[in-house]
Amino acid sequence: MKKISGLALLFFVLCSLTLSAQQKYGHINSTEILDVMPEYKQMKASLQRKQKEQEGKLRGMYTEYEKQSKELNEFGAAMMEAVREEQMMELDSLGQAIQAYEAGIEEEIQRLQFKLIKPINDKYIKIVDIVAKENNYTYIFDIATGSVVYYPENTGEITGLVKNKMGIN
């Protein structure tokens, strides 16, 4: 009996070693890779130009707001009430336009960044896939993001099994 359990244990250990030998894991640092890609540097420069352009327009709006506010404070008492109220409404409207423009700048920059980063990211992922396949890696982990950037498409997918076990369709 001891011989059989010893052989079973030996068989199990050998199978485990064989299976683990087939798995090859690697890791990369996507931040380090992206930072040296010329396309990424161009994207960052483009985003900075766009941001400076938008900030210039915003400064112009602030200057106009300050000018109108100053005029209203200096000459408001001497103005007819209807004119003063109209200028106050214009000033309030300009303040709201500035707030909306500020919010729009952020959204526009984010949309542009997403648009520009997609082809760069696609290129990076394609090269990672090629390198992983050429070197027989099973999984490649990105230490910068904590994500898996490469895995075999049809192996190890157990989402359906887990759903079934949980009784979820």
Protein backbone atom coordinates (compact mmCIF):
# COMPACT_ATOMS: atom_id res chain seq x y z
CA MET A 1 0.00 0.00 0.00
CA LYS A 2 2.85 2.37 0.84
CA LYS A 3 4.41 1.62 -2.53
CA ILE A 4 1.21 2.54 -4.39
CA SER A 5 0.70 5.81 -2.49
CA GLY A 6 4.40 6.65 -2.98
CA LEU A 7 4.09 6.02 -6.71
CA ALA A 8 0.90 8.10 -6.85
CA LEU A 9 2.66 10.95 -5.06
CA LEU A 10 5.65 10.71 -7.40
CA PHE A 11 3.33 10.66 -10.41
CA PHE A 12 1.49 13.73 -9.11
CA VAL A 13 4.74 15.65 -8.52
CA LEU A 14 6.08 14.77 -11.97
CA CYS A 15 2.81 15.80 -13.62
CA SER A 16 2.82 19.08 -11.72
CA LEU A 17 6.38 19.82 -12.77
CA THR A 18 5.57 18.98 -16.39
CA LEU A 19 2.52 21.21 -16.41
CA SER A 20 4.31 24.12 -14.76
CA ALA A 21 7.21 23.76 -17.17
CA GLN A 22 4.81 24.40 -20.03
CA GLN A 23 3.77 27.75 -18.58
CA LYS A 24 6.05 30.71 -19.27
CA TYR A 25 5.33 34.08 -17.71
CA GLY A 26 6.85 37.45 -18.43
CA HIS A 27 6.38 41.05 -17.44
CA ILE A 28 6.88 44.44 -19.04
CA ASN A 29 6.67 48.05 -18.00
CA SER A 30 4.33 49.76 -20.46
CA THR A 31 5.15 53.23 -19.11
CA GLU A 32 8.82 52.74 -19.88
CA ILE A 33 8.00 51.49 -23.38
CA LEU A 34 5.51 54.25 -24.18
CA ASP A 35 7.82 56.99 -22.90
CA VAL A 36 10.45 56.12 -25.51
CA MET A 37 8.07 55.65 -28.45
CA PRO A 38 8.35 58.57 -30.90
CA GLU A 39 4.60 58.43 -31.54
CA TYR A 40 3.90 58.83 -27.83
CA LYS A 41 6.25 61.81 -27.59
CA GLN A 42 4.47 63.41 -30.57
CA MET A 43 1.10 62.75 -28.95
CA LYS A 44 2.19 64.41 -25.70
CA ALA A 45 3.52 67.43 -27.61
CA SER A 46 0.28 67.69 -29.57
CA LEU A 47 -1.80 67.55 -26.39
CA GLN A 48 0.37 70.21 -24.76
CA ARG A 49 -0.03 72.50 -27.81
CA LYS A 50 -3.79 72.04 -27.75
CA GLN A 51 -3.92 72.71 -24.01
CA LYS A 52 -1.84 75.90 -24.35
CA GLU A 53 -4.08 77.05 -27.20
CA GLN A 54 -7.19 76.50 -25.09
CA GLU A 55 -5.60 78.19 -22.06
CA GLY A 56 -4.81 81.23 -24.26
CA LYS A 57 -8.46 81.51 -25.29
CA LEU A 58 -9.49 81.11 -21.66
CA ARG A 59 -7.10 83.88 -20.56
CA GLY A 60 -8.73 86.13 -23.16
CA MET A 61 -12.14 85.37 -21.72
CA TYR A 62 -10.89 86.11 -18.19
CA THR A 63 -9.39 89.40 -19.37
CA GLU A 64 -12.71 90.41 -20.91
CA TYR A 65 -14.55 89.40 -17.72
CA GLU A 66 -12.19 91.46 -15.56
CA LYS A 67 -12.51 94.45 -17.91
CA GLN A 68 -16.31 94.37 -17.83
CA SER A 69 -16.32 93.80 -14.08
CA LYS A 70 -13.99 96.76 -13.54
CA GLU A 71 -16.12 99.03 -15.76
CA LEU A 72 -19.25 97.98 -13.91
CA ASN A 73 -17.64 98.68 -10.54
CA GLU A 74 -16.25 102.07 -11.63
CA PHE A 75 -19.19 103.40 -13.60
CA GLY A 76 -22.08 101.28 -12.36
CA ALA A 77 -23.35 103.88 -9.90
CA ALA A 78 -23.52 106.53 -12.64
CA MET A 79 -25.35 104.25 -15.10
CA MET A 80 -29.04 104.11 -15.56
CA GLU A 81 -30.45 101.15 -13.68
CA ALA A 82 -31.60 99.33 -16.86
CA VAL A 83 -28.13 99.67 -18.43
CA ARG A 84 -26.42 98.53 -15.21
CA GLU A 85 -28.73 95.48 -14.95
CA GLU A 86 -28.06 94.62 -18.60
CA GLN A 87 -24.30 94.84 -18.05
CA MET A 88 -24.60 92.72 -14.89
CA MET A 89 -26.49 90.10 -16.91
CA GLU A 90 -23.79 90.20 -19.60
CA LEU A 91 -21.11 89.79 -16.96
CA ASP A 92 -22.98 86.86 -15.39
CA SER A 93 -23.43 85.30 -18.82
CA LEU A 94 -19.72 85.68 -19.54
CA GLY A 95 -18.90 84.04 -16.18
CA GLN A 96 -21.11 81.08 -17.06
CA ALA A 97 -19.52 80.86 -20.51
CA ILE A 98 -16.08 80.75 -18.88
CA GLN A 99 -17.15 77.90 -16.58
CA ALA A 100 -18.63 75.96 -19.47
CA TYR A 101 -15.52 76.55 -21.57
CA GLU A 102 -13.27 75.32 -18.75
CA ALA A 103 -15.28 72.10 -18.46
CA GLY A 104 -15.28 71.70 -22.23
CA ILE A 105 -11.51 72.07 -22.41
CA GLU A 106 -10.98 69.08 -20.13
CA GLU A 107 -13.41 66.93 -22.09
CA GLU A 108 -11.90 67.96 -25.43
CA ILE A 109 -8.35 67.21 -24.27
CA GLN A 110 -9.45 63.80 -22.94
CA ARG A 111 -11.22 62.94 -26.22
CA LEU A 112 -8.17 63.99 -28.21
CA GLN A 113 -5.88 61.96 -25.94
CA PHE A 114 -8.05 58.86 -26.34
CA LYS A 115 -8.13 59.33 -30.13
CA LEU A 116 -4.36 59.76 -30.35
CA ILE A 117 -3.37 57.01 -27.88
CA LYS A 118 -5.45 54.25 -29.50
CA PRO A 119 -3.17 53.62 -32.53
CA ILE A 120 -0.09 53.87 -30.30
CA ASN A 121 -1.55 51.37 -27.85
CA ASP A 122 -2.64 49.06 -30.68
CA LYS A 123 0.91 49.08 -32.08
CA TYR A 124 2.38 48.35 -28.66
CA ILE A 125 -0.04 45.47 -27.97
CA LYS A 126 0.59 43.99 -31.44
CA ILE A 127 4.35 43.92 -30.82
CA VAL A 128 3.86 42.41 -27.34
CA ASP A 129 1.73 39.66 -28.92
CA ILE A 130 4.41 38.92 -31.52
CA VAL A 131 7.22 38.81 -28.94
CA ALA A 132 5.17 36.64 -26.58
CA LYS A 133 4.36 34.13 -29.33
CA GLU A 134 7.92 34.05 -30.67
CA ASN A 135 9.26 33.34 -27.19
CA ASN A 136 6.48 30.95 -26.10
CA TYR A 137 5.13 33.05 -23.25
CA THR A 138 1.78 32.04 -21.81
CA TYR A 139 1.08 35.31 -20.04
CA ILE A 140 2.70 38.76 -20.07
CA PHE A 141 1.93 41.03 -17.13
CA ASP A 142 2.27 44.81 -17.20
CA ILE A 143 3.90 45.92 -13.95
CA ALA A 144 3.00 49.57 -14.63
CA THR A 145 -0.76 48.96 -14.79
CA GLY A 146 -1.14 45.64 -13.02
CA SER A 147 -2.91 44.13 -16.01
CA VAL A 148 -2.33 41.17 -18.29
CA VAL A 149 -1.32 42.40 -21.74
CA TYR A 150 -0.92 39.02 -23.38
CA TYR A 151 -2.63 35.70 -22.90
CA PRO A 152 -3.51 32.85 -25.26
CA GLU A 153 -6.93 33.56 -26.68
CA ASN A 154 -8.48 30.11 -26.40
CA THR A 155 -6.81 28.62 -23.35
CA GLY A 156 -7.83 28.93 -19.77
CA GLU A 157 -11.06 30.87 -20.39
CA ILE A 158 -13.36 29.76 -17.59
CA THR A 159 -15.83 32.64 -17.40
CA GLY A 160 -18.64 30.43 -18.70
CA LEU A 161 -17.80 27.68 -16.22
CA VAL A 162 -17.84 30.11 -13.30
CA LYS A 163 -21.17 31.57 -14.45
CA ASN A 164 -22.66 28.09 -14.71
CA LYS A 165 -21.39 27.13 -11.27
CA MET A 166 -22.95 30.29 -9.85
CA GLY A 167 -26.22 29.63 -11.65
CA ILE A 168 -25.88 32.76 -13.76
CA ASN A 169 -26.55 32.72 -17.48
